[in-house]
Amino acid sequence: MKIFNLQDTAKFSKERFFRELIFDSPNLRVLNFNFEAGQELPVHSHPADSEVALLVLEGEGVFTGGPEEIPATPGVLQIMPVTEPHGLRAQTRLRLLVFIAPTL
């Protein structure tokens, strides 16, 4: 068993979004992304047979990559195959937890 205090991962940079690998195994990867207002994770996809889950911990923004932008607010969870285009744009300081299974 592993325990993580996500408050310890609340690190930000004005130059670009902050990314931290929290956990990695052959079956699951967990990453923490922190954005200042206006920063974004560009729309992208991966050629793999995996799923990705994006969970907003705090802040406001929009999920990008689909036919329309989807509000990203605390508690909103987006799940999709990693082959689908996905991204995020922060409107305020925003924290995002990303789960990938199995790992890429």
N, C-alpha and C. Protein backbone atom coordinates (compact mmCIF):
# COMPACT_ATOMS: atom_id res chain seq x y z
N MET A 1 0.84 -1.18 0.00
CA MET A 1 0.00 0.00 0.00
C MET A 1 0.88 1.24 0.00
N LYS A 2 0.45 2.24 -0.73
CA LYS A 2 1.15 3.52 -0.76
C LYS A 2 0.14 4.61 -0.43
N ILE A 3 0.57 5.59 0.33
CA ILE A 3 -0.26 6.73 0.70
C ILE A 3 0.43 7.99 0.18
N PHE A 4 -0.35 8.88 -0.44
CA PHE A 4 0.19 10.13 -0.98
C PHE A 4 -0.62 11.29 -0.44
N ASN A 5 0.05 12.35 -0.03
CA ASN A 5 -0.61 13.57 0.38
C ASN A 5 -0.55 14.52 -0.82
N LEU A 6 -1.67 14.70 -1.51
CA LEU A 6 -1.68 15.51 -2.73
C LEU A 6 -1.42 16.99 -2.45
N GLN A 7 -1.54 17.42 -1.20
CA GLN A 7 -1.19 18.81 -0.89
C GLN A 7 0.31 19.04 -1.11
N ASP A 8 1.10 17.97 -0.97
CA ASP A 8 2.55 18.09 -1.19
C ASP A 8 2.90 18.31 -2.65
N THR A 9 1.96 18.06 -3.56
CA THR A 9 2.23 18.20 -4.99
C THR A 9 1.71 19.52 -5.56
N ALA A 10 1.29 20.44 -4.71
CA ALA A 10 0.74 21.73 -5.16
C ALA A 10 1.87 22.71 -5.45
N LYS A 11 2.60 22.44 -6.54
CA LYS A 11 3.72 23.28 -6.96
C LYS A 11 3.37 23.92 -8.30
N PHE A 12 3.72 25.18 -8.47
CA PHE A 12 3.34 25.92 -9.68
C PHE A 12 4.55 26.66 -10.25
N SER A 13 4.49 26.95 -11.54
CA SER A 13 5.54 27.71 -12.21
C SER A 13 4.87 28.69 -13.18
N LYS A 14 5.34 29.90 -13.22
CA LYS A 14 4.77 30.89 -14.14
C LYS A 14 5.24 30.64 -15.58
N GLU A 15 6.36 29.94 -15.77
CA GLU A 15 6.90 29.70 -17.10
C GLU A 15 6.09 28.65 -17.88
N ARG A 16 5.71 27.55 -17.21
CA ARG A 16 4.95 26.49 -17.87
C ARG A 16 4.28 25.64 -16.80
N PHE A 17 3.34 24.81 -17.23
CA PHE A 17 2.65 23.99 -16.23
C PHE A 17 3.64 23.06 -15.54
N PHE A 18 3.32 22.70 -14.30
CA PHE A 18 4.16 21.82 -13.50
C PHE A 18 3.64 20.40 -13.61
N ARG A 19 4.52 19.44 -13.87
CA ARG A 19 4.14 18.02 -14.01
C ARG A 19 4.99 17.19 -13.07
N GLU A 20 4.34 16.28 -12.34
CA GLU A 20 5.07 15.42 -11.42
C GLU A 20 4.50 14.00 -11.49
N LEU A 21 5.39 13.04 -11.67
CA LEU A 21 5.01 11.63 -11.64
C LEU A 21 4.84 11.22 -10.18
N ILE A 22 3.64 10.78 -9.82
CA ILE A 22 3.36 10.40 -8.44
C ILE A 22 3.55 8.91 -8.22
N PHE A 23 3.11 8.11 -9.19
CA PHE A 23 3.19 6.66 -9.06
C PHE A 23 3.33 6.05 -10.44
N ASP A 24 4.14 4.99 -10.54
CA ASP A 24 4.33 4.33 -11.82
C ASP A 24 4.54 2.84 -11.62
N SER A 25 3.76 2.05 -12.33
CA SER A 25 3.90 0.60 -12.35
C SER A 25 3.50 0.14 -13.76
N PRO A 26 3.68 -1.11 -14.09
CA PRO A 26 3.25 -1.57 -15.42
C PRO A 26 1.74 -1.46 -15.65
N ASN A 27 0.96 -1.40 -14.57
CA ASN A 27 -0.50 -1.37 -14.68
C ASN A 27 -1.13 0.00 -14.51
N LEU A 28 -0.44 0.92 -13.86
CA LEU A 28 -1.03 2.22 -13.55
C LEU A 28 0.04 3.28 -13.44
N ARG A 29 -0.23 4.44 -14.05
CA ARG A 29 0.63 5.61 -13.90
C ARG A 29 -0.25 6.74 -13.38
N VAL A 30 0.23 7.47 -12.38
CA VAL A 30 -0.51 8.61 -11.82
C VAL A 30 0.40 9.83 -11.89
N LEU A 31 -0.14 10.89 -12.51
CA LEU A 31 0.61 12.14 -12.65
C LEU A 31 -0.19 13.29 -12.08
N ASN A 32 0.52 14.27 -11.57
CA ASN A 32 -0.10 15.50 -11.08
C ASN A 32 0.33 16.63 -12.01
N PHE A 33 -0.63 17.41 -12.48
CA PHE A 33 -0.36 18.58 -13.30
C PHE A 33 -0.93 19.80 -12.58
N ASN A 34 -0.14 20.88 -12.50
CA ASN A 34 -0.60 22.13 -11.91
C ASN A 34 -0.40 23.24 -12.92
N PHE A 35 -1.44 24.04 -13.12
CA PHE A 35 -1.44 25.10 -14.13
C PHE A 35 -1.74 26.45 -13.48
N GLU A 36 -1.04 27.47 -13.93
CA GLU A 36 -1.43 28.83 -13.63
C GLU A 36 -2.49 29.22 -14.67
N ALA A 37 -3.27 30.25 -14.38
CA ALA A 37 -4.29 30.71 -15.33
C ALA A 37 -3.66 30.98 -16.69
N GLY A 38 -4.29 30.47 -17.75
CA GLY A 38 -3.80 30.68 -19.11
C GLY A 38 -2.88 29.59 -19.62
N GLN A 39 -2.32 28.78 -18.74
CA GLN A 39 -1.46 27.69 -19.20
C GLN A 39 -2.32 26.54 -19.71
N GLU A 40 -1.74 25.73 -20.60
CA GLU A 40 -2.53 24.62 -21.12
C GLU A 40 -1.69 23.40 -21.44
N LEU A 41 -2.36 22.27 -21.38
CA LEU A 41 -1.82 21.00 -21.86
C LEU A 41 -2.32 20.89 -23.28
N PRO A 42 -1.43 20.97 -24.28
CA PRO A 42 -1.89 20.96 -25.66
C PRO A 42 -2.66 19.68 -26.00
N VAL A 43 -3.58 19.80 -26.93
CA VAL A 43 -4.34 18.65 -27.39
C VAL A 43 -3.37 17.64 -27.99
N HIS A 44 -3.51 16.40 -27.58
CA HIS A 44 -2.64 15.33 -28.06
C HIS A 44 -3.35 13.98 -27.90
N SER A 45 -2.76 12.94 -28.42
CA SER A 45 -3.26 11.58 -28.24
C SER A 45 -2.05 10.65 -28.26
N HIS A 46 -2.29 9.39 -27.93
CA HIS A 46 -1.22 8.40 -27.88
C HIS A 46 -1.66 7.14 -28.64
N PRO A 47 -0.79 6.53 -29.43
CA PRO A 47 -1.15 5.31 -30.14
C PRO A 47 -0.94 4.09 -29.24
N ALA A 48 -1.81 3.91 -28.27
CA ALA A 48 -1.67 2.80 -27.31
C ALA A 48 -3.05 2.28 -26.91
N ASP A 49 -3.08 1.10 -26.39
CA ASP A 49 -4.33 0.49 -25.93
C ASP A 49 -4.44 0.72 -24.42
N SER A 50 -4.68 1.96 -24.03
CA SER A 50 -4.78 2.35 -22.63
C SER A 50 -5.94 3.31 -22.46
N GLU A 51 -6.33 3.52 -21.22
CA GLU A 51 -7.35 4.49 -20.87
C GLU A 51 -6.69 5.61 -20.07
N VAL A 52 -7.24 6.81 -20.16
CA VAL A 52 -6.75 7.94 -19.37
C VAL A 52 -7.93 8.55 -18.64
N ALA A 53 -7.71 8.90 -17.37
CA ALA A 53 -8.72 9.57 -16.56
C ALA A 53 -8.12 10.88 -16.07
N LEU A 54 -8.86 11.99 -16.27
CA LEU A 54 -8.43 13.33 -15.87
C LEU A 54 -9.38 13.82 -14.79
N LEU A 55 -8.86 14.04 -13.58
CA LEU A 55 -9.68 14.47 -12.45
C LEU A 55 -9.23 15.85 -11.99
N VAL A 56 -10.14 16.82 -12.04
CA VAL A 56 -9.83 18.18 -11.59
C VAL A 56 -9.91 18.22 -10.06
N LEU A 57 -8.81 18.61 -9.43
CA LEU A 57 -8.77 18.70 -7.97
C LEU A 57 -9.21 20.09 -7.49
N GLU A 58 -8.76 21.11 -8.19
CA GLU A 58 -9.16 22.48 -7.82
C GLU A 58 -8.96 23.40 -9.02
N GLY A 59 -9.66 24.51 -9.01
CA GLY A 59 -9.55 25.49 -10.08
C GLY A 59 -10.59 25.30 -11.15
N GLU A 60 -10.50 26.14 -12.19
CA GLU A 60 -11.45 26.08 -13.30
C GLU A 60 -10.70 26.18 -14.62
N GLY A 61 -11.24 25.45 -15.61
CA GLY A 61 -10.67 25.46 -16.94
C GLY A 61 -11.61 24.77 -17.90
N VAL A 62 -11.08 24.34 -19.03
CA VAL A 62 -11.87 23.60 -20.01
C VAL A 62 -11.04 22.44 -20.55
N PHE A 63 -11.72 21.29 -20.72
CA PHE A 63 -11.12 20.17 -21.43
C PHE A 63 -11.23 20.49 -22.91
N THR A 64 -10.15 20.27 -23.63
CA THR A 64 -10.11 20.56 -25.06
C THR A 64 -9.82 19.27 -25.83
N GLY A 65 -10.02 19.31 -27.13
CA GLY A 65 -9.68 18.18 -27.97
C GLY A 65 -10.88 17.52 -28.62
N GLY A 66 -12.05 17.69 -28.04
CA GLY A 66 -13.25 17.11 -28.61
C GLY A 66 -13.95 18.10 -29.51
N PRO A 67 -15.16 17.75 -29.94
CA PRO A 67 -15.90 18.66 -30.83
C PRO A 67 -16.29 19.97 -30.13
N GLU A 68 -16.35 19.95 -28.81
CA GLU A 68 -16.63 21.18 -28.06
C GLU A 68 -15.85 21.16 -26.75
N GLU A 69 -15.57 22.33 -26.20
CA GLU A 69 -14.87 22.43 -24.93
C GLU A 69 -15.84 22.05 -23.81
N ILE A 70 -15.31 21.34 -22.80
CA ILE A 70 -16.11 20.86 -21.67
C ILE A 70 -15.58 21.54 -20.41
N PRO A 71 -16.46 22.14 -19.58
CA PRO A 71 -16.00 22.77 -18.35
C PRO A 71 -15.24 21.79 -17.46
N ALA A 72 -14.12 22.25 -16.93
CA ALA A 72 -13.29 21.46 -16.03
C ALA A 72 -13.28 22.18 -14.68
N THR A 73 -14.05 21.65 -13.73
CA THR A 73 -14.18 22.24 -12.40
C THR A 73 -13.92 21.16 -11.36
N PRO A 74 -13.68 21.54 -10.11
CA PRO A 74 -13.34 20.55 -9.09
C PRO A 74 -14.36 19.40 -9.04
N GLY A 75 -13.80 18.19 -9.04
CA GLY A 75 -14.62 16.99 -8.97
C GLY A 75 -15.02 16.42 -10.31
N VAL A 76 -14.79 17.16 -11.40
CA VAL A 76 -15.15 16.65 -12.73
C VAL A 76 -14.08 15.64 -13.16
N LEU A 77 -14.56 14.50 -13.65
CA LEU A 77 -13.69 13.41 -14.08
C LEU A 77 -13.99 13.09 -15.54
N GLN A 78 -12.97 13.12 -16.38
CA GLN A 78 -13.10 12.78 -17.80
C GLN A 78 -12.30 11.50 -18.04
N ILE A 79 -12.93 10.48 -18.65
CA ILE A 79 -12.27 9.20 -18.93
C ILE A 79 -12.42 8.89 -20.41
N MET A 80 -11.33 8.42 -21.04
CA MET A 80 -11.38 8.10 -22.48
C MET A 80 -10.20 7.22 -22.84
N PRO A 81 -10.26 6.58 -24.01
CA PRO A 81 -9.07 5.90 -24.53
C PRO A 81 -8.00 6.95 -24.83
N VAL A 82 -6.73 6.60 -24.65
CA VAL A 82 -5.66 7.57 -24.89
C VAL A 82 -5.53 7.91 -26.37
N THR A 83 -6.19 7.15 -27.23
CA THR A 83 -6.15 7.44 -28.67
C THR A 83 -7.02 8.63 -29.03
N GLU A 84 -7.96 9.02 -28.14
CA GLU A 84 -8.82 10.19 -28.39
C GLU A 84 -8.05 11.46 -28.07
N PRO A 85 -8.14 12.48 -28.92
CA PRO A 85 -7.47 13.75 -28.62
C PRO A 85 -7.97 14.34 -27.30
N HIS A 86 -7.03 14.79 -26.47
CA HIS A 86 -7.40 15.38 -25.18
C HIS A 86 -6.38 16.45 -24.80
N GLY A 87 -6.86 17.43 -24.05
CA GLY A 87 -6.03 18.52 -23.57
C GLY A 87 -6.80 19.31 -22.53
N LEU A 88 -6.19 20.35 -21.99
CA LEU A 88 -6.83 21.17 -20.96
C LEU A 88 -6.26 22.58 -21.00
N ARG A 89 -7.12 23.57 -20.79
CA ARG A 89 -6.69 24.97 -20.68
C ARG A 89 -7.21 25.50 -19.36
N ALA A 90 -6.31 26.04 -18.55
CA ALA A 90 -6.68 26.57 -17.23
C ALA A 90 -7.17 28.01 -17.35
N GLN A 91 -8.29 28.29 -16.71
CA GLN A 91 -8.80 29.67 -16.64
C GLN A 91 -8.41 30.33 -15.33
N THR A 92 -8.20 29.51 -14.30
CA THR A 92 -7.67 29.95 -13.01
C THR A 92 -6.54 28.99 -12.65
N ARG A 93 -5.90 29.21 -11.54
CA ARG A 93 -4.92 28.23 -11.05
C ARG A 93 -5.66 26.91 -10.92
N LEU A 94 -5.12 25.84 -11.50
CA LEU A 94 -5.84 24.57 -11.59
C LEU A 94 -4.90 23.41 -11.30
N ARG A 95 -5.43 22.41 -10.57
CA ARG A 95 -4.69 21.18 -10.28
C ARG A 95 -5.44 20.00 -10.88
N LEU A 96 -4.70 19.14 -11.57
CA LEU A 96 -5.28 18.01 -12.30
C LEU A 96 -4.52 16.73 -11.95
N LEU A 97 -5.26 15.67 -11.66
CA LEU A 97 -4.68 14.37 -11.42
C LEU A 97 -4.99 13.49 -12.63
N VAL A 98 -3.97 12.83 -13.18
CA VAL A 98 -4.12 12.02 -14.39
C VAL A 98 -3.76 10.58 -14.06
N PHE A 99 -4.64 9.66 -14.47
CA PHE A 99 -4.43 8.23 -14.29
C PHE A 99 -4.35 7.59 -15.67
N ILE A 100 -3.37 6.76 -15.94
CA ILE A 100 -3.25 6.05 -17.20
C ILE A 100 -3.11 4.57 -16.89
N ALA A 101 -3.98 3.75 -17.48
CA ALA A 101 -3.94 2.31 -17.22
C ALA A 101 -4.32 1.54 -18.48
N PRO A 102 -3.60 0.49 -18.83
CA PRO A 102 -2.22 0.29 -18.36
C PRO A 102 -1.34 1.41 -18.89
N THR A 103 -0.13 1.47 -18.36
CA THR A 103 0.76 2.58 -18.68
C THR A 103 1.18 2.56 -20.13
N LEU A 104 1.60 3.71 -20.62
CA LEU A 104 2.05 3.85 -22.01
C LEU A 104 3.49 3.35 -22.15
